[in-house]
Amino acid sequence: RRPPTVICYICGHEYGTKSISIHEPQCLKKWHQENDMLPKFSRRPEPKKPEVSPIQAKGFYDLGSLNEAAWISAQNQLVACDICGRTFHPDRLIVHQQSCKP
């Protein structure tokens, strides 16, 4: 059986339940650095951590709901290419558009 994993709401990658708390602040810092390097028109608002309430009195979270909300948040960070419609992270969109053909 695979150990439980949690999806990062910023980058969309899976991490273990113990390492996600270490990864998220580092990922958010990296996101800010990359966002600040983008041209002003390409900058995005800071991603917000999805709110998922505990489902049991003991305070446990439903990992399925948490992961689904985090995945949706990560996908909302992507930007569509004006030419072909594919979605990319904003910093990768600039590189893609240089070679994209209609």
N, C-alpha and C. Protein backbone atom coordinates (compact mmCIF):
# COMPACT_ATOMS: atom_id res chain seq x y z
N ARG A 1 0.84 -1.18 0.00
CA ARG A 1 0.00 0.00 0.00
C ARG A 1 0.88 1.24 0.00
N ARG A 2 0.53 2.20 -0.84
CA ARG A 2 1.26 3.46 -0.93
C ARG A 2 0.98 4.33 0.27
N PRO A 3 2.00 5.03 0.77
CA PRO A 3 1.74 5.97 1.86
C PRO A 3 0.87 7.12 1.37
N PRO A 4 0.07 7.72 2.25
CA PRO A 4 -0.80 8.82 1.81
C PRO A 4 0.01 10.03 1.38
N THR A 5 -0.45 10.69 0.34
CA THR A 5 0.22 11.88 -0.18
C THR A 5 -0.76 13.04 -0.22
N VAL A 6 -0.20 14.24 -0.26
CA VAL A 6 -0.99 15.46 -0.33
C VAL A 6 -0.47 16.25 -1.53
N ILE A 7 -1.39 16.86 -2.28
CA ILE A 7 -1.02 17.65 -3.45
C ILE A 7 -0.78 19.10 -3.01
N CYS A 8 0.33 19.66 -3.48
CA CYS A 8 0.64 21.06 -3.18
C CYS A 8 -0.31 21.96 -3.97
N TYR A 9 -0.93 22.92 -3.29
CA TYR A 9 -1.89 23.81 -3.95
C TYR A 9 -1.20 24.82 -4.86
N ILE A 10 0.12 24.94 -4.78
CA ILE A 10 0.85 25.91 -5.59
C ILE A 10 1.37 25.27 -6.88
N CYS A 11 2.10 24.15 -6.74
CA CYS A 11 2.74 23.54 -7.91
C CYS A 11 2.02 22.30 -8.44
N GLY A 12 1.15 21.69 -7.63
CA GLY A 12 0.40 20.52 -8.08
C GLY A 12 1.13 19.20 -7.93
N HIS A 13 2.32 19.19 -7.34
CA HIS A 13 3.05 17.94 -7.13
C HIS A 13 2.62 17.27 -5.83
N GLU A 14 2.83 15.96 -5.76
CA GLU A 14 2.46 15.20 -4.57
C GLU A 14 3.61 15.10 -3.59
N TYR A 15 3.28 15.23 -2.31
CA TYR A 15 4.27 15.11 -1.24
C TYR A 15 3.67 14.30 -0.11
N GLY A 16 4.53 13.71 0.69
CA GLY A 16 4.07 12.96 1.85
C GLY A 16 3.40 13.87 2.86
N THR A 17 2.57 13.29 3.71
CA THR A 17 1.81 14.09 4.67
C THR A 17 2.72 14.82 5.66
N LYS A 18 3.90 14.28 5.91
CA LYS A 18 4.83 14.94 6.83
C LYS A 18 5.66 16.01 6.14
N SER A 19 5.97 15.84 4.86
CA SER A 19 6.86 16.78 4.17
C SER A 19 6.11 17.94 3.52
N ILE A 20 4.78 17.87 3.40
CA ILE A 20 4.05 18.96 2.74
C ILE A 20 4.17 20.26 3.53
N SER A 21 4.25 20.17 4.85
CA SER A 21 4.35 21.38 5.67
C SER A 21 5.73 22.05 5.49
N ILE A 22 6.72 21.28 5.10
CA ILE A 22 8.04 21.84 4.80
C ILE A 22 8.06 22.40 3.38
N HIS A 23 7.42 21.68 2.45
CA HIS A 23 7.44 22.07 1.05
C HIS A 23 6.67 23.36 0.76
N GLU A 24 5.47 23.51 1.31
CA GLU A 24 4.60 24.63 0.94
C GLU A 24 5.24 26.01 1.15
N PRO A 25 5.86 26.31 2.31
CA PRO A 25 6.49 27.63 2.44
C PRO A 25 7.62 27.85 1.43
N GLN A 26 8.40 26.80 1.15
CA GLN A 26 9.48 26.91 0.17
C GLN A 26 8.92 27.11 -1.24
N CYS A 27 7.85 26.42 -1.55
CA CYS A 27 7.22 26.52 -2.87
C CYS A 27 6.62 27.93 -3.05
N LEU A 28 6.00 28.46 -2.00
CA LEU A 28 5.42 29.79 -2.09
C LEU A 28 6.51 30.85 -2.27
N LYS A 29 7.64 30.67 -1.58
CA LYS A 29 8.77 31.60 -1.74
C LYS A 29 9.28 31.56 -3.18
N LYS A 30 9.42 30.35 -3.73
CA LYS A 30 9.88 30.19 -5.11
C LYS A 30 8.87 30.82 -6.08
N TRP A 31 7.57 30.62 -5.78
CA TRP A 31 6.52 31.18 -6.63
C TRP A 31 6.65 32.70 -6.66
N HIS A 32 6.87 33.34 -5.50
CA HIS A 32 7.03 34.79 -5.43
C HIS A 32 8.25 35.26 -6.24
N GLN A 33 9.35 34.53 -6.13
CA GLN A 33 10.55 34.90 -6.88
C GLN A 33 10.30 34.83 -8.38
N GLU A 34 9.66 33.77 -8.83
CA GLU A 34 9.38 33.61 -10.26
C GLU A 34 8.35 34.64 -10.72
N ASN A 35 7.35 34.91 -9.91
CA ASN A 35 6.30 35.87 -10.28
C ASN A 35 6.88 37.28 -10.38
N ASP A 36 7.80 37.62 -9.49
CA ASP A 36 8.41 38.95 -9.51
C ASP A 36 9.28 39.17 -10.75
N MET A 37 9.80 38.10 -11.34
CA MET A 37 10.64 38.21 -12.52
C MET A 37 9.82 38.33 -13.81
N LEU A 38 8.52 38.05 -13.75
CA LEU A 38 7.67 38.14 -14.93
C LEU A 38 7.38 39.60 -15.28
N PRO A 39 7.06 39.87 -16.55
CA PRO A 39 6.62 41.23 -16.90
C PRO A 39 5.34 41.56 -16.12
N LYS A 40 5.08 42.83 -15.88
CA LYS A 40 3.94 43.24 -15.05
C LYS A 40 2.61 42.68 -15.54
N PHE A 41 2.43 42.62 -16.87
CA PHE A 41 1.16 42.14 -17.40
C PHE A 41 0.96 40.63 -17.20
N SER A 42 2.03 39.88 -16.93
CA SER A 42 1.94 38.44 -16.75
C SER A 42 1.86 38.02 -15.28
N ARG A 43 2.04 38.94 -14.36
CA ARG A 43 2.05 38.58 -12.94
C ARG A 43 0.67 38.15 -12.49
N ARG A 44 0.68 37.18 -11.58
CA ARG A 44 -0.56 36.59 -11.08
C ARG A 44 -0.74 36.92 -9.61
N PRO A 45 -1.97 36.92 -9.11
CA PRO A 45 -2.17 37.10 -7.67
C PRO A 45 -1.67 35.86 -6.92
N GLU A 46 -1.29 36.05 -5.67
CA GLU A 46 -0.76 34.95 -4.87
C GLU A 46 -1.82 33.85 -4.72
N PRO A 47 -1.42 32.59 -4.93
CA PRO A 47 -2.39 31.50 -4.76
C PRO A 47 -2.81 31.38 -3.30
N LYS A 48 -4.08 31.13 -3.08
CA LYS A 48 -4.62 30.98 -1.73
C LYS A 48 -4.80 29.50 -1.42
N LYS A 49 -4.44 29.13 -0.21
CA LYS A 49 -4.58 27.74 0.21
C LYS A 49 -6.07 27.42 0.33
N PRO A 50 -6.53 26.33 -0.29
CA PRO A 50 -7.95 25.98 -0.22
C PRO A 50 -8.35 25.65 1.22
N GLU A 51 -9.54 26.09 1.58
CA GLU A 51 -10.08 25.81 2.91
C GLU A 51 -10.85 24.50 2.86
N VAL A 52 -10.40 23.52 3.64
CA VAL A 52 -11.10 22.25 3.76
C VAL A 52 -11.28 22.01 5.24
N SER A 53 -12.54 21.84 5.66
CA SER A 53 -12.80 21.68 7.09
C SER A 53 -12.67 20.21 7.49
N PRO A 54 -12.30 19.95 8.74
CA PRO A 54 -12.19 18.58 9.22
C PRO A 54 -13.55 17.88 9.12
N ILE A 55 -13.54 16.59 8.82
CA ILE A 55 -14.80 15.86 8.67
C ILE A 55 -15.15 15.06 9.90
N GLN A 56 -14.22 14.94 10.84
CA GLN A 56 -14.49 14.16 12.03
C GLN A 56 -14.25 15.02 13.27
N ALA A 57 -14.83 14.61 14.38
CA ALA A 57 -14.66 15.34 15.63
C ALA A 57 -13.20 15.34 16.09
N LYS A 58 -12.44 14.34 15.68
CA LYS A 58 -11.03 14.25 16.08
C LYS A 58 -10.16 15.22 15.28
N GLY A 59 -10.71 15.88 14.29
CA GLY A 59 -9.95 16.86 13.52
C GLY A 59 -9.22 16.31 12.31
N PHE A 60 -9.54 15.09 11.87
CA PHE A 60 -8.91 14.52 10.68
C PHE A 60 -9.51 15.14 9.43
N TYR A 61 -8.69 15.26 8.39
CA TYR A 61 -9.15 15.80 7.11
C TYR A 61 -9.38 14.66 6.13
N ASP A 62 -10.32 14.88 5.24
CA ASP A 62 -10.56 13.95 4.14
C ASP A 62 -9.51 14.24 3.08
N LEU A 63 -8.50 13.35 2.95
CA LEU A 63 -7.40 13.59 2.01
C LEU A 63 -7.89 13.72 0.58
N GLY A 64 -8.94 12.99 0.23
CA GLY A 64 -9.48 13.08 -1.12
C GLY A 64 -9.98 14.48 -1.44
N SER A 65 -10.75 15.06 -0.53
CA SER A 65 -11.27 16.42 -0.73
C SER A 65 -10.15 17.44 -0.71
N LEU A 66 -9.20 17.26 0.20
CA LEU A 66 -8.07 18.17 0.31
C LEU A 66 -7.25 18.16 -0.98
N ASN A 67 -6.97 16.96 -1.49
CA ASN A 67 -6.18 16.83 -2.72
C ASN A 67 -6.92 17.40 -3.93
N GLU A 68 -8.24 17.19 -3.98
CA GLU A 68 -9.00 17.71 -5.11
C GLU A 68 -8.99 19.24 -5.10
N ALA A 69 -9.17 19.84 -3.93
CA ALA A 69 -9.15 21.30 -3.84
C ALA A 69 -7.77 21.85 -4.18
N ALA A 70 -6.71 21.17 -3.73
CA ALA A 70 -5.35 21.62 -4.02
C ALA A 70 -5.05 21.49 -5.51
N TRP A 71 -5.50 20.40 -6.14
CA TRP A 71 -5.27 20.20 -7.57
C TRP A 71 -5.96 21.30 -8.38
N ILE A 72 -7.19 21.63 -8.02
CA ILE A 72 -7.93 22.68 -8.72
C ILE A 72 -7.21 24.01 -8.56
N SER A 73 -6.72 24.29 -7.36
CA SER A 73 -5.98 25.53 -7.11
C SER A 73 -4.72 25.58 -7.97
N ALA A 74 -3.99 24.48 -8.05
CA ALA A 74 -2.77 24.44 -8.87
C ALA A 74 -3.09 24.63 -10.35
N GLN A 75 -4.18 24.04 -10.82
CA GLN A 75 -4.56 24.18 -12.22
C GLN A 75 -5.01 25.60 -12.55
N ASN A 76 -5.59 26.28 -11.56
CA ASN A 76 -6.02 27.66 -11.77
C ASN A 76 -4.84 28.62 -11.92
N GLN A 77 -3.65 28.19 -11.55
CA GLN A 77 -2.45 29.02 -11.70
C GLN A 77 -1.96 29.04 -13.14
N LEU A 78 -2.42 28.10 -13.97
CA LEU A 78 -1.95 28.01 -15.35
C LEU A 78 -2.60 29.09 -16.21
N VAL A 79 -1.87 29.51 -17.24
CA VAL A 79 -2.34 30.55 -18.16
C VAL A 79 -2.40 29.96 -19.56
N ALA A 80 -3.46 30.26 -20.29
CA ALA A 80 -3.65 29.73 -21.64
C ALA A 80 -2.87 30.56 -22.66
N CYS A 81 -2.32 29.87 -23.64
CA CYS A 81 -1.64 30.52 -24.76
C CYS A 81 -2.71 31.15 -25.67
N ASP A 82 -2.48 32.39 -26.09
CA ASP A 82 -3.44 33.08 -26.97
C ASP A 82 -3.51 32.44 -28.35
N ILE A 83 -2.45 31.74 -28.75
CA ILE A 83 -2.38 31.19 -30.10
C ILE A 83 -2.99 29.79 -30.17
N CYS A 84 -2.51 28.87 -29.31
CA CYS A 84 -2.95 27.48 -29.41
C CYS A 84 -3.91 27.04 -28.30
N GLY A 85 -3.99 27.80 -27.22
CA GLY A 85 -4.92 27.47 -26.15
C GLY A 85 -4.38 26.54 -25.07
N ARG A 86 -3.17 26.01 -25.27
CA ARG A 86 -2.58 25.15 -24.23
C ARG A 86 -2.28 25.97 -23.00
N THR A 87 -2.25 25.32 -21.83
CA THR A 87 -2.01 26.05 -20.59
C THR A 87 -0.61 25.78 -20.07
N PHE A 88 -0.02 26.84 -19.48
CA PHE A 88 1.35 26.79 -18.98
C PHE A 88 1.44 27.61 -17.71
N HIS A 89 2.52 27.36 -16.95
CA HIS A 89 2.86 28.27 -15.86
C HIS A 89 3.25 29.59 -16.53
N PRO A 90 2.97 30.73 -15.89
CA PRO A 90 3.23 32.01 -16.55
C PRO A 90 4.67 32.19 -17.03
N ASP A 91 5.65 31.70 -16.27
CA ASP A 91 7.03 31.87 -16.72
C ASP A 91 7.35 31.01 -17.94
N ARG A 92 6.68 29.89 -18.10
CA ARG A 92 6.92 29.01 -19.25
C ARG A 92 6.12 29.46 -20.47
N LEU A 93 5.06 30.22 -20.27
CA LEU A 93 4.24 30.70 -21.39
C LEU A 93 5.06 31.61 -22.30
N ILE A 94 5.90 32.45 -21.72
CA ILE A 94 6.73 33.36 -22.51
C ILE A 94 7.65 32.56 -23.44
N VAL A 95 8.25 31.50 -22.93
CA VAL A 95 9.14 30.66 -23.73
C VAL A 95 8.34 29.95 -24.82
N HIS A 96 7.15 29.44 -24.45
CA HIS A 96 6.32 28.72 -25.42
C HIS A 96 5.89 29.63 -26.57
N GLN A 97 5.49 30.86 -26.26
CA GLN A 97 4.97 31.75 -27.28
C GLN A 97 6.00 32.15 -28.32
N GLN A 98 7.27 32.03 -27.99
CA GLN A 98 8.32 32.35 -28.95
C GLN A 98 8.34 31.33 -30.10
N SER A 99 7.89 30.10 -29.83
CA SER A 99 7.94 29.08 -30.87
C SER A 99 6.55 28.59 -31.30
N CYS A 100 5.50 29.12 -30.71
CA CYS A 100 4.14 28.66 -31.03
C CYS A 100 3.70 29.22 -32.38
N LYS A 101 3.12 28.33 -33.19
CA LYS A 101 2.64 28.74 -34.51
C LYS A 101 1.14 28.46 -34.60
N PRO A 102 0.41 29.34 -35.24
CA PRO A 102 -1.05 29.15 -35.36
C PRO A 102 -1.40 27.94 -36.22
